[in-house]
Protein backbone atom coordinates (compact mmCIF):
# COMPACT_ATOMS: atom_id res chain seq x y z
CA MET A 1 0.00 0.00 0.00
CA GLU A 2 1.27 3.45 -0.93
CA LEU A 3 2.31 5.77 1.93
CA MET A 4 0.19 8.66 0.58
CA THR A 5 -2.89 6.44 0.67
CA ILE A 6 -2.22 5.57 4.32
CA ILE A 7 -1.72 9.25 5.18
CA LEU A 8 -4.97 10.20 3.43
CA ALA A 9 -6.84 7.41 5.24
CA VAL A 10 -5.57 8.68 8.59
CA LEU A 11 -6.56 12.24 7.66
CA LEU A 12 -10.03 10.99 6.72
CA ILE A 13 -10.39 9.35 10.12
CA ILE A 14 -9.24 12.53 11.87
CA THR A 15 -11.72 14.54 9.79
CA ALA A 16 -14.60 12.23 10.69
CA LEU A 17 -13.76 12.32 14.40
CA VAL A 18 -13.34 16.10 14.50
CA THR A 19 -16.66 16.51 12.69
CA ILE A 20 -18.40 14.28 15.23
CA TYR A 21 -16.69 16.21 18.05
CA TYR A 22 -17.81 19.53 16.52
CA TRP A 23 -21.47 18.53 16.43
CA ALA A 24 -21.41 16.93 19.88
CA ASP A 25 -19.92 20.13 21.28
CA PHE A 26 -22.33 22.31 19.29
CA PHE A 27 -25.36 20.61 20.81
CA ILE A 28 -23.99 19.83 24.30
CA THR A 29 -22.08 22.99 25.27
CA GLY A 30 -22.27 25.32 22.27
CA GLY A 31 -18.59 26.03 22.72
CA VAL A 32 -17.81 25.88 19.00
CA SER A 33 -20.42 28.49 18.05
CA VAL A 34 -18.85 31.67 16.72
CA ILE A 35 -21.81 33.82 17.75
CA GLU A 36 -25.06 33.12 19.56
CA ASP A 37 -27.43 34.97 17.20
CA GLU A 38 -30.49 32.95 16.17
CA TRP A 39 -29.82 33.34 12.41
CA TYR A 40 -26.31 31.89 12.86
CA ILE A 41 -27.48 28.94 14.97
CA LYS A 42 -30.25 28.12 12.47
CA PHE A 43 -27.75 28.19 9.59
CA GLU A 44 -25.32 25.92 11.45
CA LYS A 45 -28.04 23.40 12.33
CA ALA A 46 -28.78 23.01 8.61
CA PHE A 47 -25.39 21.31 8.18
CA VAL A 48 -25.69 18.48 10.72
CA VAL A 49 -27.03 15.71 8.48
CA ALA A 50 -24.84 16.68 5.52
CA ASP A 51 -21.72 16.78 7.72
CA LEU A 52 -22.46 13.50 9.45
CA TRP A 53 -23.16 11.68 6.17
CA GLY A 54 -20.90 13.38 3.64
CA VAL A 55 -17.94 14.08 5.88
CA SER A 56 -18.06 11.66 8.82
CA ALA A 57 -19.66 8.49 7.44
CA CYS A 58 -18.13 8.68 3.96
CA SER A 59 -14.71 9.53 5.44
CA LEU A 60 -14.78 6.59 7.85
CA ILE A 61 -16.03 4.13 5.23
CA GLY A 62 -13.51 5.48 2.72
CA ALA A 63 -10.63 5.27 5.20
CA ILE A 64 -11.48 1.69 6.16
CA GLY A 65 -11.71 0.77 2.49
CA LEU A 66 -8.38 2.42 1.70
CA LEU A 67 -6.60 0.77 4.62
CA THR A 68 -8.02 -2.68 3.81
CA GLU A 69 -7.48 -2.15 0.06
CA GLN A 70 -11.15 -2.66 -0.73
CA PRO A 71 -12.57 -1.17 -3.94
CA TYR A 72 -15.15 0.88 -2.05
CA GLY A 73 -12.33 2.83 -0.35
CA GLU A 74 -11.64 5.09 -3.29
CA PHE A 75 -15.35 5.53 -4.02
CA PHE A 76 -16.33 6.62 -0.50
CA SER A 77 -13.19 8.73 -0.17
CA LEU A 78 -14.16 10.60 -3.33
CA LEU A 79 -17.70 11.05 -1.97
CA ALA A 80 -16.17 12.47 1.20
CA ALA A 81 -13.88 14.73 -0.84
CA ALA A 82 -16.77 16.17 -2.85
CA SER A 83 -18.77 16.69 0.33
CA MET A 84 -15.84 18.42 2.03
CA ILE A 85 -15.31 20.79 -0.87
CA PHE A 86 -19.01 21.62 -1.14
CA LEU A 87 -19.45 22.18 2.60
CA ALA A 88 -16.23 24.20 2.84
CA LEU A 89 -17.33 26.48 0.01
CA MET A 90 -20.76 26.93 1.61
CA ASP A 91 -19.11 27.84 4.94
CA ILE A 92 -16.57 30.16 3.34
CA THR A 93 -19.25 31.96 1.33
CA PHE A 94 -21.45 32.31 4.42
CA ASN A 95 -18.56 33.60 6.54
CA ILE A 96 -17.56 36.18 3.90
CA GLN A 97 -21.13 37.35 3.26
CA ASN A 98 -21.78 37.79 6.97
CA GLY A 99 -18.45 39.38 7.88
CA LEU A 100 -17.40 36.61 10.25
CA TYR A 101 -13.73 36.20 9.28
CA PRO A 102 -12.67 39.47 10.96
CA LEU A 103 -13.74 37.83 14.24
CA ILE A 104 -10.61 35.65 13.96
CA ALA A 105 -8.74 38.30 15.93
CA LEU A 106 -11.22 38.00 18.82
CA SER A 107 -12.60 34.48 18.69
CA ASN A 108 -10.98 31.08 19.10
CA GLN A 109 -14.19 29.62 17.68
CA MET A 110 -13.69 31.58 14.44
CA VAL A 111 -10.07 30.41 14.28
CA PHE A 112 -11.39 26.84 14.58
CA GLU A 113 -13.91 27.56 11.79
CA LEU A 114 -11.11 28.86 9.55
CA VAL A 115 -9.03 25.75 10.23
CA ILE A 116 -12.03 23.55 9.40
CA ASN A 117 -12.67 25.52 6.19
CA LEU A 118 -9.07 25.24 5.02
CA TRP A 119 -8.65 21.61 6.17
CA THR A 120 -11.74 20.35 4.33
CA LEU A 121 -11.04 22.35 1.19
CA VAL A 122 -7.40 21.26 0.93
CA LEU A 123 -8.05 17.65 1.95
CA GLY A 124 -10.97 17.36 -0.48
CA ILE A 125 -8.87 18.64 -3.38
CA THR A 126 -5.91 16.44 -2.37
CA LEU A 127 -8.10 13.33 -2.17
CA ILE A 128 -9.48 13.95 -5.66
CA ALA A 129 -6.02 14.67 -7.10
CA HIS A 130 -4.61 11.47 -5.56
CA LEU A 131 -7.51 9.06 -6.03
CA TRP A 132 -8.98 10.08 -9.38
CA PRO A 133 -6.01 8.74 -11.40
CA ILE A 134 -6.32 5.41 -9.56
CA LEU A 135 -9.91 5.05 -10.75
CA THR A 136 -9.33 6.08 -14.35
């Protein structure tokens, strides 16, 4: 098995676990929320199912498939990659349109959001760049 594939599988597992952590924290303590305004909370809640399926479930299934060299590994990893890119672009657009990125200077939660945005965008693109040639 190629080292890059192992690294990507580990990153997929980390991504899935951090996503699960994010939503558990969001609903249990609210500590990851950037602001407490109702419009922001409603927007965030719209992402739960998409994140848990597209990012967490697909990432875990993809990682297991990659590590066990099963054919579904690449497929689910590509599903996860597409989901990550889509959700990152939705978040980035929302954050820009609502002027949230300037809060980075004042908010650890917004720093965490930026890290999530960059992580999912870069990992999604990297997964596609690495796995697409394997499938073609």
